[in-house]
Amino acid sequence: MKVLLTAVNAKYIHSNPAVYSLQKFVTAYAPEYGRNVELAEFTINHYADDILQEIYRRRPDVVAFSCYIWNLQMIERVLEDLPRVLPEVQIWAGGPEVSYDAPEFLKKHDCMTGVMMGEGEETFLELMEYWHGKKKLNEIPGITWRDGEGEIKVQPGRPLLDMNRIPFLYDELDDFEHRIIYYESSRGCPFSCSYCLSSIDKSVRFRDAQTVVKELQFFLDRKVPQVKFVDRTFNCRHSHALTIWNYIREHDNGITNFHFEIAADLLNEEELALLNTMRPGLVQLEIGVQSTNQKTIEAIDRVMDFSHLCSVVKRVQSGHNIHQHLDLIAGLPWENFDSFRQSFNDVYHLYPDQLQLGFLKVLKGSRMQEKAEEYGIVYHSDPVYEVFYTNWISYQEILELKQIEDMVEVYYNSGQFPNTIRHLEKEFSDPFTMYQRMAAFYGQQGWWGQSHSRMQRFEMLREFIHSISENGIYDELLLLDLYLRENSKSRPKWAPDLQNEKKQFLDWFRQEEQEHQVLKGYEGFSARQMMNMVHLERFSIETAQLCGWEQQKEDTQECWVLFDYRNRNALDQNAGIYFIKSSLASL
């Protein structure tokens, strides 16, 4: 009896911890069954026929799909033809997208045998017993199934699982090269946010912290680039968070990064002090703000002290060692366009490393779905159930926010234009207006719907800037941002011609080849090799002062900056910079 657990992920770099957990659970508690469980992972970028063909080649007796809002439509396309090529196969599903309306899902798809509702580890183990003739379906909690007469049966729910019973998912990492490693140290959430399915399960359960740190050592030993915790609110138990954070700080391998989703306003002084001691790049934090409109916060049953959150975010920033990602959601109750503008500006002025603009998704089984009619929320009928409009915001305004979101992604979240954007903000009444004007300019130029290279993005931003300002400082700021991230061999058209300085550059690098006063760690490289590995650029003193380069004290109108791409900032990946005395020009 071969069972194929099938996942369809959003991207190749993603994996599906759910199917790995089901397989590991069965293997740990019933090894004789575990040998019959196989995994198949695809992405939504595959053709449905590709998935169908691979399932057919594997010739399973049972196929079980892991269903989420991002993959349900693809899975349903596969379901249309799967019974035609494997008519005897049993088809099951699980996951949040089918758990809360399992009977309706079975009615919609005659080919389906059943649905695993909620947590699946113990349910799947008992289904394996059923498939091997050891148990009956009506003896298994947590399933909805179709009997031999075609009647749909709903079994009672299953008690929540002790997290310590779940085996470690990663015996080896060969299948996870170039993919994100997901790790779960708790389930459930103490909060009741009405848009989130985690609010349904308020019984937060934790994996023993000592077990967690032993498992994290597995990743540290293998120098995994990133481990992403999927805990809904990682720091809701202070002792748990402190144990884990202390461990990863003390056992830091200098490479692995750990991602946590937290409630910032829950951080206490001990945790903040600890976070400030982390290696730059060891930890990154995702913080859901969602809105700063107090009426909206109350309507979505969220608990947040925004003023305290601000102080915490700034305190973390003061350590210059932790990437912070703050989230907003458009389309929430009582949030109109102007209110969202205010929420955007409030969060933007905290200057997080990333500001994520999301749009309300009315998830099945959430309280937001129950209140959708009351709030006038009209949303897409198919996954991902995204909002069209509400009593407070129109579809036209939602579309405008989507264009603003694109501008934020390109010009803020990319981290490629930090100096230019920070100075450009001063040209506008507030940051939101700046991105709104950018989006409108894109539309006027006919740029929407096209693919643009990185250099084109610079040129487009320059064109927008010139439409509102004649200040020449922006050309230098754009040049600075370009070379901070990339040693571009294609010099932009607005950059000054440095051909006459090339001999002076070479003379300087020859001197550096002998003395290494600036480029430490480049011993053994020739002058010409170093010239290709780094970049030298001339900037005005006005730019130096604007960027806070206090090193520039000489009585001169220019400074030379060297960009070192072998020594990048661990947080923003910008090149290290050194200031070369203006005497370079006289070499």
Protein backbone atom coordinates (compact mmCIF):
# COMPACT_ATOMS: atom_id res chain seq x y z
CA MET A 1 0.00 0.00 0.00
CA LYS A 2 1.94 3.00 -1.30
CA VAL A 3 0.88 6.46 -0.06
CA LEU A 4 2.13 9.56 -1.86
CA LEU A 5 2.09 12.79 0.17
CA THR A 6 1.96 15.59 -2.38
CA ALA A 7 2.88 19.24 -1.85
CA VAL A 8 2.56 22.11 -4.33
CA ASN A 9 4.69 24.98 -3.04
CA ALA A 10 4.59 28.64 -4.00
CA LYS A 11 8.27 28.68 -5.08
CA TYR A 12 11.10 26.22 -5.52
CA ILE A 13 12.98 27.63 -2.52
CA HIS A 14 10.00 26.79 -0.29
CA SER A 15 9.40 23.38 1.23
CA ASN A 16 6.32 21.91 2.90
CA PRO A 17 6.97 20.96 6.55
CA ALA A 18 3.49 19.40 6.81
CA VAL A 19 4.18 16.45 4.50
CA TYR A 20 7.59 15.85 6.08
CA SER A 21 6.00 15.85 9.52
CA LEU A 22 3.34 13.31 8.49
CA GLN A 23 5.97 11.01 7.01
CA LYS A 24 8.32 11.30 9.99
CA PHE A 25 5.51 10.73 12.49
CA VAL A 26 4.41 7.49 10.84
CA THR A 27 8.02 6.33 10.45
CA ALA A 28 8.71 6.98 14.15
CA TYR A 29 5.59 5.27 15.56
CA ALA A 30 4.93 2.61 12.91
CA PRO A 31 8.15 1.94 10.96
CA GLU A 32 6.52 -0.90 9.06
CA TYR A 33 4.06 1.61 7.56
CA GLY A 34 6.55 4.44 7.16
CA ARG A 35 8.42 2.52 4.49
CA ASN A 36 5.31 2.84 2.32
CA VAL A 37 5.06 6.63 2.52
CA GLU A 38 6.67 8.71 -0.23
CA LEU A 39 6.86 12.47 -0.80
CA ALA A 40 6.41 14.50 -3.98
CA GLU A 41 6.97 18.27 -4.04
CA PHE A 42 6.10 20.58 -6.92
CA THR A 43 5.51 24.31 -7.33
CA ILE A 44 2.58 26.31 -8.67
CA ASN A 45 4.82 27.13 -11.65
CA HIS A 46 4.60 23.52 -12.83
CA TYR A 47 1.99 22.62 -15.41
CA ALA A 48 -0.87 20.54 -14.02
CA ASP A 49 0.03 17.86 -16.57
CA ASP A 50 3.58 17.68 -15.19
CA ILE A 51 2.23 16.99 -11.70
CA LEU A 52 -0.29 14.48 -13.04
CA GLN A 53 2.39 12.61 -15.00
CA GLU A 54 4.76 12.39 -12.04
CA ILE A 55 2.00 11.07 -9.76
CA TYR A 56 1.14 8.49 -12.40
CA ARG A 57 4.77 7.37 -12.70
CA ARG A 58 4.92 6.83 -8.94
CA ARG A 59 1.81 4.55 -9.12
CA PRO A 60 0.51 5.18 -5.58
CA ASP A 61 -2.51 3.48 -4.03
CA VAL A 62 -3.33 6.67 -2.11
CA VAL A 63 -2.55 10.28 -2.97
CA ALA A 64 -2.86 12.93 -0.24
CA PHE A 65 -2.60 16.63 -1.12
CA SER A 66 -1.51 19.41 1.27
CA CYS A 67 -3.87 22.31 0.51
CA TYR A 68 -3.33 26.05 1.05
CA ILE A 69 -4.73 29.21 -0.49
CA TRP A 70 -1.80 29.51 -2.89
CA ASN A 71 -2.04 26.00 -4.34
CA LEU A 72 -5.70 24.94 -4.20
CA GLN A 73 -6.53 25.95 -7.76
CA MET A 74 -3.57 23.99 -9.11
CA ILE A 75 -4.54 20.95 -7.04
CA GLU A 76 -8.12 21.16 -8.27
CA ARG A 77 -6.87 21.14 -11.87
CA VAL A 78 -4.93 17.96 -11.12
CA LEU A 79 -8.01 16.43 -9.46
CA GLU A 80 -9.99 16.83 -12.69
CA ASP A 81 -7.83 14.24 -14.47
CA LEU A 82 -6.18 12.16 -11.77
CA PRO A 83 -9.07 9.64 -11.52
CA ARG A 84 -8.95 9.20 -15.30
CA VAL A 85 -5.37 7.98 -15.32
CA LEU A 86 -5.43 6.25 -11.90
CA PRO A 87 -9.08 5.20 -11.52
CA GLU A 88 -8.44 2.99 -8.47
CA VAL A 89 -6.43 5.52 -6.48
CA GLN A 90 -7.83 6.89 -3.21
CA ILE A 91 -7.54 10.67 -2.98
CA TRP A 92 -7.26 12.51 0.34
CA ALA A 93 -6.52 16.12 1.25
CA GLY A 94 -5.50 18.09 4.31
CA GLY A 95 -4.40 21.56 5.27
CA PRO A 96 -6.11 24.84 6.24
CA GLU A 97 -7.76 25.38 2.86
CA VAL A 98 -9.91 22.25 3.19
CA SER A 99 -10.15 21.74 6.94
CA TYR A 100 -12.98 24.19 7.63
CA ASP A 101 -15.37 23.23 4.85
CA ALA A 102 -14.45 19.58 4.35
CA PRO A 103 -18.00 18.36 3.51
CA GLU A 104 -18.38 21.07 0.84
CA PHE A 105 -14.99 20.18 -0.61
CA LEU A 106 -16.00 16.53 -0.92
CA LYS A 107 -19.32 17.50 -2.51
CA LYS A 108 -17.47 19.62 -5.05
CA HIS A 109 -15.05 16.82 -5.94
CA ASP A 110 -16.66 13.42 -6.42
CA CYS A 111 -13.26 11.81 -6.82
CA MET A 112 -12.24 12.62 -3.26
CA THR A 113 -12.28 9.91 -0.59
CA GLY A 114 -11.71 12.08 2.44
CA VAL A 115 -10.21 15.09 4.21
CA MET A 116 -7.90 15.22 7.22
CA MET A 117 -9.04 18.18 9.33
CA GLY A 118 -6.69 20.22 11.49
CA GLU A 119 -3.46 18.72 12.75
CA GLY A 120 -2.66 15.65 10.73
CA GLU A 121 0.12 13.62 12.35
CA GLU A 122 -1.95 11.25 14.51
CA THR A 123 -4.80 11.24 12.00
CA PHE A 124 -2.46 10.18 9.21
CA LEU A 125 -0.97 7.44 11.41
CA GLU A 126 -4.43 6.02 12.03
CA LEU A 127 -5.27 6.26 8.34
CA MET A 128 -2.18 4.20 7.63
CA GLU A 129 -3.60 1.61 10.02
CA TYR A 130 -6.88 1.74 8.09
CA TRP A 131 -5.14 1.30 4.74
CA HIS A 132 -3.38 -1.75 6.18
CA GLY A 133 -6.63 -3.25 7.46
CA LYS A 134 -6.03 -2.49 11.16
CA LYS A 135 -8.72 0.17 11.73
CA LYS A 136 -12.06 1.41 10.38
CA LEU A 137 -12.67 4.94 9.12
CA ASN A 138 -15.49 5.51 11.60
CA GLU A 139 -12.95 4.90 14.37
CA ILE A 140 -10.63 7.73 13.31
CA PRO A 141 -11.20 11.23 14.78
CA GLY A 142 -10.43 14.31 12.71
CA ILE A 143 -11.60 13.17 9.28
CA THR A 144 -14.47 13.79 6.90
CA TRP A 145 -14.95 10.90 4.49
CA ARG A 146 -17.20 9.39 1.87
CA ASP A 147 -18.55 5.92 2.66
CA GLY A 148 -19.27 3.11 0.18
CA GLU A 149 -22.73 4.50 -0.51
CA GLY A 150 -21.33 7.94 -1.33
CA GLU A 151 -22.62 9.49 1.90
CA ILE A 152 -20.34 12.06 3.53
CA LYS A 153 -19.48 11.35 7.16
CA VAL A 154 -17.95 13.82 9.60
CA GLN A 155 -15.96 12.44 12.52
CA PRO A 156 -15.46 14.40 15.76
CA GLY A 157 -12.33 16.49 16.14
CA ARG A 158 -9.09 15.19 17.56
CA PRO A 159 -7.38 16.43 20.76
CA LEU A 160 -4.41 18.68 20.09
CA LEU A 161 -1.06 16.95 19.78
CA ASP A 162 1.78 17.20 22.30
CA MET A 163 4.52 19.01 20.32
CA ASN A 164 7.21 16.85 21.92
CA ARG A 165 5.83 13.76 20.20
CA ILE A 166 6.67 15.11 16.75
CA PRO A 167 9.99 13.75 15.42
CA PHE A 168 12.68 16.06 14.08
CA LEU A 169 12.02 16.56 10.37
CA TYR A 170 15.57 16.84 9.03
CA ASP A 171 17.69 13.70 9.29
CA GLU A 172 19.74 14.97 6.36
CA LEU A 173 19.67 18.06 4.17
CA ASP A 174 20.45 16.78 0.68
CA ASP A 175 16.91 17.60 -0.49
CA PHE A 176 17.03 21.13 0.96
CA GLU A 177 20.02 22.66 -0.79
CA HIS A 178 19.13 26.20 -1.93
CA ARG A 179 15.77 25.94 -0.13
CA ILE A 180 14.42 27.57 3.02
CA ILE A 181 14.52 25.42 6.15
CA TYR A 182 11.32 25.77 8.17
CA TYR A 183 11.26 24.91 11.86
CA GLU A 184 8.37 24.78 14.33
CA SER A 185 8.88 25.17 18.09
CA SER A 186 5.25 26.00 18.97
CA ARG A 187 1.73 25.80 17.60
CA GLY A 188 -1.25 28.05 18.19
CA CYS A 189 -1.40 31.74 19.05
CA PRO A 190 -2.47 33.56 22.23
CA PHE A 191 -4.12 36.35 20.23
CA SER A 192 -7.51 36.51 18.51
CA CYS A 193 -6.93 38.49 15.32
CA SER A 194 -10.09 38.00 13.30
CA TYR A 195 -8.35 37.72 9.91
CA CYS A 196 -6.10 34.85 11.00
CA LEU A 197 -6.82 31.15 11.36
CA SER A 198 -4.31 30.87 14.20
CA SER A 199 -6.82 32.73 16.39
CA ILE A 200 -9.06 29.66 16.33
CA ASP A 201 -6.53 27.63 18.31
CA LYS A 202 -5.65 29.65 21.41
CA SER A 203 -4.05 26.68 23.15
CA VAL A 204 -0.41 27.50 22.50
CA ARG A 205 1.77 24.41 22.78
CA PHE A 206 5.55 24.43 22.92
CA ARG A 207 8.20 21.96 22.00
CA ASP A 208 10.56 21.50 24.93
CA ALA A 209 13.15 24.26 24.64
CA GLN A 210 16.04 21.90 25.41
CA THR A 211 14.90 19.66 22.57
CA VAL A 212 14.67 22.69 20.30
CA VAL A 213 18.23 23.84 20.91
CA LYS A 214 19.59 20.34 20.28
CA GLU A 215 17.77 20.29 16.94
CA LEU A 216 18.98 23.78 16.06
CA GLN A 217 22.53 22.56 16.60
CA PHE A 218 21.94 20.21 13.67
CA PHE A 219 21.47 23.26 11.42
CA LEU A 220 24.38 25.12 12.99
CA ASP A 221 26.74 22.18 12.48
CA ARG A 222 25.81 22.06 8.81
CA LYS A 223 26.05 25.85 8.36
CA VAL A 224 22.53 26.16 6.92
CA PRO A 225 22.12 29.72 5.52
CA GLN A 226 18.69 30.38 7.08
CA VAL A 227 16.28 28.70 9.48
CA LYS A 228 12.79 30.20 9.43
CA PHE A 229 10.68 29.63 12.53
CA VAL A 230 7.01 29.23 11.61
CA ASP A 231 5.76 29.89 15.15
CA ARG A 232 2.91 32.40 14.92
CA THR A 233 4.15 34.49 17.90
CA PHE A 234 7.57 33.20 18.82
CA ASN A 235 8.05 35.36 21.92
CA CYS A 236 4.68 34.81 23.60
CA ARG A 237 6.48 32.76 26.29
CA HIS A 238 9.51 34.70 27.50
CA SER A 239 11.40 31.75 28.98
CA HIS A 240 11.08 29.80 25.73
CA ALA A 241 12.33 32.71 23.59
CA LEU A 242 15.21 33.51 25.93
CA THR A 243 16.46 29.92 26.02
CA ILE A 244 16.54 29.71 22.23
CA TRP A 245 17.97 33.18 21.63
CA ASN A 246 20.70 32.65 24.22
CA TYR A 247 21.61 29.34 22.62
CA ILE A 248 21.92 30.61 19.07
CA ARG A 249 23.99 33.57 20.28
CA GLU A 250 26.38 31.33 22.24
CA HIS A 251 26.65 28.76 19.43
CA ASP A 252 26.70 31.16 16.49
CA ASN A 253 28.61 29.67 13.54
CA GLY A 254 28.98 33.04 11.81
CA ILE A 255 26.77 31.98 8.89
CA THR A 256 23.30 30.76 9.86
CA ASN A 257 20.50 33.32 10.11
CA PHE A 258 17.34 32.69 12.18
CA HIS A 259 14.01 34.30 11.26
CA PHE A 260 11.31 34.85 13.91
CA GLU A 261 7.79 36.26 13.73
CA ILE A 262 7.23 38.16 16.98
CA ALA A 263 4.94 40.57 18.79
CA ALA A 264 7.33 43.49 19.31
CA ASP A 265 5.36 45.06 22.14
CA LEU A 266 5.81 41.85 24.18
CA LEU A 267 9.60 42.12 24.23
CA ASN A 268 10.89 42.85 27.73
CA GLU A 269 14.12 44.50 28.81
CA GLU A 270 16.01 41.23 29.19
CA GLU A 271 15.09 40.14 25.68
CA LEU A 272 15.95 43.52 24.18
CA ALA A 273 19.33 43.56 25.89
CA LEU A 274 20.02 40.06 24.58
CA LEU A 275 18.97 40.92 21.03
CA ASN A 276 21.31 43.91 21.02
CA THR A 277 24.26 41.54 21.61
CA MET A 278 23.60 39.32 18.58
CA ARG A 279 26.04 39.11 15.68
CA PRO A 280 24.83 41.34 12.83
CA GLY A 281 22.77 39.10 10.57
CA LEU A 282 22.29 36.29 13.11
CA VAL A 283 18.63 37.14 13.73
CA GLN A 284 15.87 38.81 11.75
CA LEU A 285 12.45 39.75 13.10
CA GLU A 286 9.09 39.97 11.36
CA ILE A 287 6.61 42.21 13.17
CA GLY A 288 2.94 42.44 12.25
CA VAL A 289 1.65 45.98 12.83
CA GLN A 290 -1.30 45.69 10.37
CA SER A 291 -2.72 49.16 11.19
CA THR A 292 -2.18 52.10 13.51
CA ASN A 293 -5.89 53.04 13.47
CA GLN A 294 -7.08 52.21 16.98
CA LYS A 295 -10.64 51.57 15.83
CA THR A 296 -9.33 49.09 13.27
CA ILE A 297 -7.17 47.36 15.86
CA GLU A 298 -10.19 46.92 18.12
CA ALA A 299 -12.40 45.70 15.26
CA ILE A 300 -9.98 42.92 14.34
CA ASP A 301 -9.64 41.84 17.99
CA ARG A 302 -5.96 42.66 18.00
CA VAL A 303 -3.96 43.75 21.02
CA MET A 304 -1.21 46.26 20.30
CA ASP A 305 0.32 49.27 22.00
CA PHE A 306 1.76 51.11 19.00
CA SER A 307 3.68 53.68 21.02
CA HIS A 308 5.41 50.88 22.91
CA LEU A 309 5.98 49.00 19.66
CA CYS A 310 7.73 52.09 18.26
CA SER A 311 10.06 52.30 21.24
CA VAL A 312 10.89 48.59 20.91
CA VAL A 313 11.57 48.80 17.16
CA LYS A 314 13.87 51.78 17.73
CA ARG A 315 15.63 50.00 20.57
CA VAL A 316 16.32 47.00 18.36
CA GLN A 317 17.51 49.34 15.59
CA SER A 318 19.97 50.95 17.99
CA GLY A 319 22.01 47.75 17.96
CA HIS A 320 22.54 48.00 14.16
CA ASN A 321 22.55 44.21 14.07
CA ILE A 322 19.02 42.93 13.36
CA HIS A 323 16.95 43.09 10.18
CA GLN A 324 13.36 44.13 10.98
CA HIS A 325 10.42 43.48 8.65
CA LEU A 326 7.16 45.32 9.52
CA ASP A 327 3.79 44.43 8.00
CA LEU A 328 0.62 46.40 7.17
CA ILE A 329 -2.70 45.06 5.85
CA ALA A 330 -4.94 47.11 3.56
CA GLY A 331 -8.70 46.51 3.49
CA LEU A 332 -9.29 46.05 7.22
CA PRO A 333 -12.48 47.33 8.89
CA TRP A 334 -12.59 51.10 9.57
CA GLU A 335 -9.44 51.67 7.49
CA ASN A 336 -10.20 54.03 4.60
CA PHE A 337 -7.65 55.39 2.13
CA ASP A 338 -6.62 58.32 4.33
CA SER A 339 -6.44 56.12 7.40
CA PHE A 340 -4.18 53.69 5.56
CA ARG A 341 -2.05 56.63 4.45
CA GLN A 342 -1.59 57.48 8.14
CA SER A 343 -0.81 53.87 9.07
CA PHE A 344 1.73 53.74 6.24
CA ASN A 345 3.44 56.95 7.31
CA ASP A 346 3.46 55.93 10.98
CA VAL A 347 5.25 52.67 10.22
CA TYR A 348 7.44 54.07 7.44
CA HIS A 349 8.88 56.68 9.80
CA LEU A 350 10.24 53.82 11.89
CA TYR A 351 12.41 53.02 8.84
CA PRO A 352 12.28 49.23 9.07
CA ASP A 353 14.52 47.25 6.77
CA GLN A 354 11.39 46.16 4.92
CA LEU A 355 7.82 47.48 4.96
CA GLN A 356 5.46 44.84 3.62
CA LEU A 357 2.09 46.02 2.30
CA GLY A 358 -0.38 43.15 2.28
CA PHE A 359 -4.06 43.02 1.37
CA LEU A 360 -6.77 41.45 3.49
CA LYS A 361 -7.49 37.81 2.65
CA VAL A 362 -10.81 36.54 3.97
CA LEU A 363 -9.83 33.03 5.01
CA LYS A 364 -12.26 30.19 5.39
CA GLY A 365 -13.13 29.59 9.02
CA SER A 366 -11.89 32.99 10.22
CA ARG A 367 -14.06 35.45 12.13
CA MET A 368 -13.42 37.96 9.36
CA GLN A 369 -15.35 35.66 7.04
CA GLU A 370 -18.24 35.64 9.50
CA LYS A 371 -18.26 39.46 9.63
CA ALA A 372 -17.64 40.08 5.94
CA GLU A 373 -21.25 41.05 5.21
CA GLU A 374 -21.43 43.36 8.22
CA TYR A 375 -18.25 45.14 7.12
CA GLY A 376 -19.27 45.25 3.47
CA ILE A 377 -16.17 43.24 2.56
CA VAL A 378 -16.38 41.99 -1.01
CA TYR A 379 -13.55 39.64 -1.90
CA HIS A 380 -12.43 37.28 -4.61
CA SER A 381 -14.44 34.06 -4.75
CA ASP A 382 -11.34 31.97 -5.50
CA PRO A 383 -8.11 31.63 -3.54
CA VAL A 384 -6.46 33.76 -2.28
CA TYR A 385 -9.81 35.41 -1.33
CA GLU A 386 -8.29 38.88 -1.49
CA VAL A 387 -10.37 41.95 -0.74
CA PHE A 388 -11.91 43.96 -3.61
CA TYR A 389 -13.50 46.69 -1.47
CA THR A 390 -15.16 47.33 1.88
CA ASN A 391 -17.51 49.85 3.48
CA TRP A 392 -14.49 52.11 3.90
CA ILE A 393 -12.30 51.66 0.85
CA SER A 394 -13.18 51.36 -2.84
CA TYR A 395 -11.84 48.96 -5.45
CA GLN A 396 -10.23 51.91 -7.25
CA GLU A 397 -8.37 52.82 -4.06
CA ILE A 398 -7.29 49.20 -3.54
CA LEU A 399 -5.86 49.19 -7.06
CA GLU A 400 -3.99 52.41 -6.33
CA LEU A 401 -2.55 50.87 -3.17
CA LYS A 402 -1.37 47.88 -5.20
CA GLN A 403 0.63 50.21 -7.44
CA ILE A 404 2.05 51.96 -4.39
CA GLU A 405 2.97 48.53 -3.02
CA ASP A 406 4.95 47.86 -6.22
CA MET A 407 6.85 51.13 -5.81
CA VAL A 408 7.67 50.31 -2.18
CA GLU A 409 8.90 46.86 -3.19
CA VAL A 410 11.18 48.21 -5.92
CA TYR A 411 12.49 51.40 -4.35
CA TYR A 412 12.39 50.70 -0.61
CA ASN A 413 12.29 46.99 0.18
CA SER A 414 14.93 46.11 -2.38
CA GLY A 415 17.41 48.14 -0.35
CA GLN A 416 19.01 49.33 -3.60
CA PHE A 417 18.17 53.04 -3.36
CA PRO A 418 18.55 53.97 0.34
CA ASN A 419 20.38 57.28 0.06
CA THR A 420 18.40 58.55 -2.92
CA ILE A 421 15.02 57.68 -1.40
CA ARG A 422 15.85 59.05 2.05
CA HIS A 423 16.75 62.41 0.52
CA LEU A 424 13.87 62.35 -1.97
CA GLU A 425 11.34 62.07 0.86
CA LYS A 426 12.10 65.71 1.74
CA GLU A 427 10.54 66.81 -1.55
CA PHE A 428 7.10 65.60 -0.42
CA SER A 429 4.68 66.22 2.42
CA ASP A 430 4.95 62.60 3.57
CA PRO A 431 6.42 59.28 2.35
CA PHE A 432 3.07 57.89 1.21
CA THR A 433 2.62 60.83 -1.16
CA MET A 434 6.08 60.21 -2.62
CA TYR A 435 5.27 56.60 -3.55
CA GLN A 436 1.80 57.67 -4.74
CA ARG A 437 3.41 60.21 -7.09
CA MET A 438 5.92 57.60 -8.27
CA ALA A 439 3.12 55.19 -9.12
CA ALA A 440 1.25 57.90 -11.02
CA PHE A 441 4.42 58.78 -12.95
CA TYR A 442 4.89 55.13 -13.90
CA GLY A 443 1.38 55.17 -15.31
CA GLN A 444 1.96 58.38 -17.25
CA GLN A 445 5.09 56.91 -18.84
CA GLY A 446 3.37 53.62 -19.72
CA TRP A 447 5.80 51.58 -17.61
CA TRP A 448 3.29 49.29 -15.88
CA GLY A 449 3.16 45.70 -17.05
CA GLN A 450 6.76 45.68 -18.29
CA SER A 451 9.85 43.91 -17.02
CA HIS A 452 12.69 46.27 -16.11
CA SER A 453 16.38 45.65 -15.43
CA ARG A 454 18.06 47.03 -12.35
CA MET A 455 19.80 49.75 -14.35
CA GLN A 456 16.50 50.69 -15.95
CA ARG A 457 14.99 51.08 -12.47
CA PHE A 458 17.73 53.60 -11.68
CA GLU A 459 17.12 55.47 -14.90
CA MET A 460 13.35 55.51 -14.33
CA LEU A 461 13.78 56.84 -10.79
CA ARG A 462 16.15 59.50 -12.14
CA GLU A 463 13.56 60.52 -14.73
CA PHE A 464 10.92 60.80 -12.01
CA ILE A 465 13.24 62.89 -9.83
CA HIS A 466 14.01 65.25 -12.69
CA SER A 467 10.28 65.78 -13.18
CA ILE A 468 10.04 67.30 -9.69
CA SER A 469 13.52 68.65 -8.89
CA GLU A 470 16.54 70.16 -10.63
CA ASN A 471 18.89 69.44 -7.73
CA GLY A 472 22.00 67.80 -9.18
CA ILE A 473 22.77 66.04 -5.91
CA TYR A 474 20.41 63.22 -6.91
CA ASP A 475 22.69 62.04 -9.72
CA GLU A 476 25.46 61.50 -7.18
CA LEU A 477 23.10 59.77 -4.73
CA LEU A 478 21.92 57.41 -7.46
CA LEU A 479 25.52 56.66 -8.34
CA LEU A 480 26.32 56.01 -4.69
CA ASP A 481 23.40 53.60 -4.35
CA LEU A 482 24.32 51.81 -7.56
CA TYR A 483 27.90 51.08 -6.50
CA LEU A 484 27.04 50.29 -2.90
CA ARG A 485 25.29 47.14 -4.07
CA GLU A 486 27.07 46.22 -7.31
CA ASN A 487 30.46 46.67 -8.98
CA SER A 488 28.74 47.58 -12.22
CA LYS A 489 31.02 47.45 -15.25
CA SER A 490 28.42 49.28 -17.35
CA ARG A 491 28.76 52.86 -16.23
CA PRO A 492 25.41 54.72 -16.14
CA LYS A 493 24.90 57.45 -18.67
CA TRP A 494 24.57 60.17 -16.04
CA ALA A 495 27.89 59.31 -14.32
CA PRO A 496 30.89 61.62 -14.84
CA ASP A 497 33.67 60.43 -17.15
CA LEU A 498 36.64 59.15 -15.11
CA GLN A 499 38.84 58.07 -18.03
CA ASN A 500 41.41 60.75 -17.24
CA GLU A 501 41.79 59.40 -13.70
CA LYS A 502 42.53 55.78 -14.66
CA LYS A 503 46.32 56.19 -14.52
CA GLN A 504 46.01 57.89 -11.15
CA PHE A 505 43.84 54.99 -9.99
CA LEU A 506 46.43 52.46 -11.11
CA ASP A 507 49.21 54.37 -9.35
CA TRP A 508 47.17 54.38 -6.15
CA PHE A 509 46.50 50.64 -6.38
CA ARG A 510 50.20 49.97 -7.03
CA GLN A 511 50.99 51.81 -3.84
CA GLU A 512 48.24 49.84 -2.08
CA GLU A 513 49.69 46.59 -3.47
CA GLN A 514 52.89 47.35 -1.57
CA GLU A 515 51.48 48.83 1.66
CA HIS A 516 47.82 47.67 2.03
CA GLN A 517 46.96 50.70 4.12
CA VAL A 518 43.27 50.52 3.13
CA LEU A 519 42.51 47.15 1.54
CA LYS A 520 43.31 44.73 4.32
CA GLY A 521 42.85 41.11 3.27
CA TYR A 522 43.82 41.77 -0.35
CA GLU A 523 47.40 40.64 0.13
CA GLY A 524 48.53 38.55 -2.82
CA PHE A 525 46.43 40.42 -5.37
CA SER A 526 48.05 42.65 -7.97
CA ALA A 527 47.13 46.29 -8.44
CA ARG A 528 45.11 45.51 -11.56
CA GLN A 529 43.30 42.64 -9.86
CA MET A 530 42.33 44.92 -6.97
CA MET A 531 41.13 47.56 -9.43
CA ASN A 532 38.67 45.01 -10.86
CA MET A 533 37.56 43.73 -7.45
CA VAL A 534 36.67 47.13 -5.95
CA HIS A 535 35.39 50.43 -7.29
CA LEU A 536 36.61 54.00 -6.85
CA GLU A 537 34.22 56.90 -7.31
CA ARG A 538 34.43 60.66 -6.87
CA PHE A 539 31.73 62.53 -4.93
CA SER A 540 31.18 66.14 -3.97
CA ILE A 541 31.61 67.31 -0.40
CA GLU A 542 27.89 68.14 -0.44
CA THR A 543 27.12 64.44 -0.92
CA ALA A 544 29.66 63.50 1.75
CA GLN A 545 28.01 65.82 4.24
CA LEU A 546 24.52 64.69 3.26
CA CYS A 547 25.48 61.05 3.90
CA GLY A 548 27.11 61.86 7.22
CA TRP A 549 30.62 61.01 6.14
CA GLU A 550 32.32 62.76 9.00
CA GLN A 551 35.70 61.48 7.82
CA GLN A 552 35.77 64.17 5.17
CA LYS A 553 37.42 67.08 7.03
CA GLU A 554 39.76 68.35 4.35
CA ASP A 555 39.34 71.74 2.76
CA THR A 556 38.36 70.40 -0.63
CA GLN A 557 35.35 70.24 -2.91
CA GLU A 558 35.47 66.49 -3.55
CA CYS A 559 36.18 63.15 -1.94
CA TRP A 560 37.04 59.72 -3.26
CA VAL A 561 35.15 56.68 -2.03
CA LEU A 562 36.33 53.09 -2.41
CA PHE A 563 33.64 50.37 -2.50
CA ASP A 564 34.83 47.02 -1.10
CA TYR A 565 32.59 44.15 -2.26
CA ARG A 566 34.41 41.46 -0.30
CA ASN A 567 33.43 43.12 2.98
CA ARG A 568 29.70 43.77 2.84
CA ASN A 569 27.36 44.92 5.60
CA ALA A 570 25.73 41.82 7.09
CA LEU A 571 22.29 43.47 7.24
CA ASP A 572 21.86 45.31 3.95
CA GLN A 573 24.61 43.62 1.87
CA ASN A 574 26.01 47.00 0.86
CA ALA A 575 29.69 47.19 0.09
CA GLY A 576 32.08 48.40 2.73
CA ILE A 577 33.30 51.91 1.99
CA TYR A 578 36.59 53.64 2.64
CA PHE A 579 37.39 57.31 2.16
CA ILE A 580 40.49 58.02 0.13
CA LYS A 581 42.18 61.33 0.78
CA SER A 582 41.76 63.88 -1.96
CA SER A 583 45.50 63.67 -2.56
CA LEU A 584 44.56 60.77 -4.84
CA ALA A 585 44.03 63.40 -7.53
CA SER A 586 47.68 64.45 -7.29
CA LEU A 587 49.19 60.96 -7.52
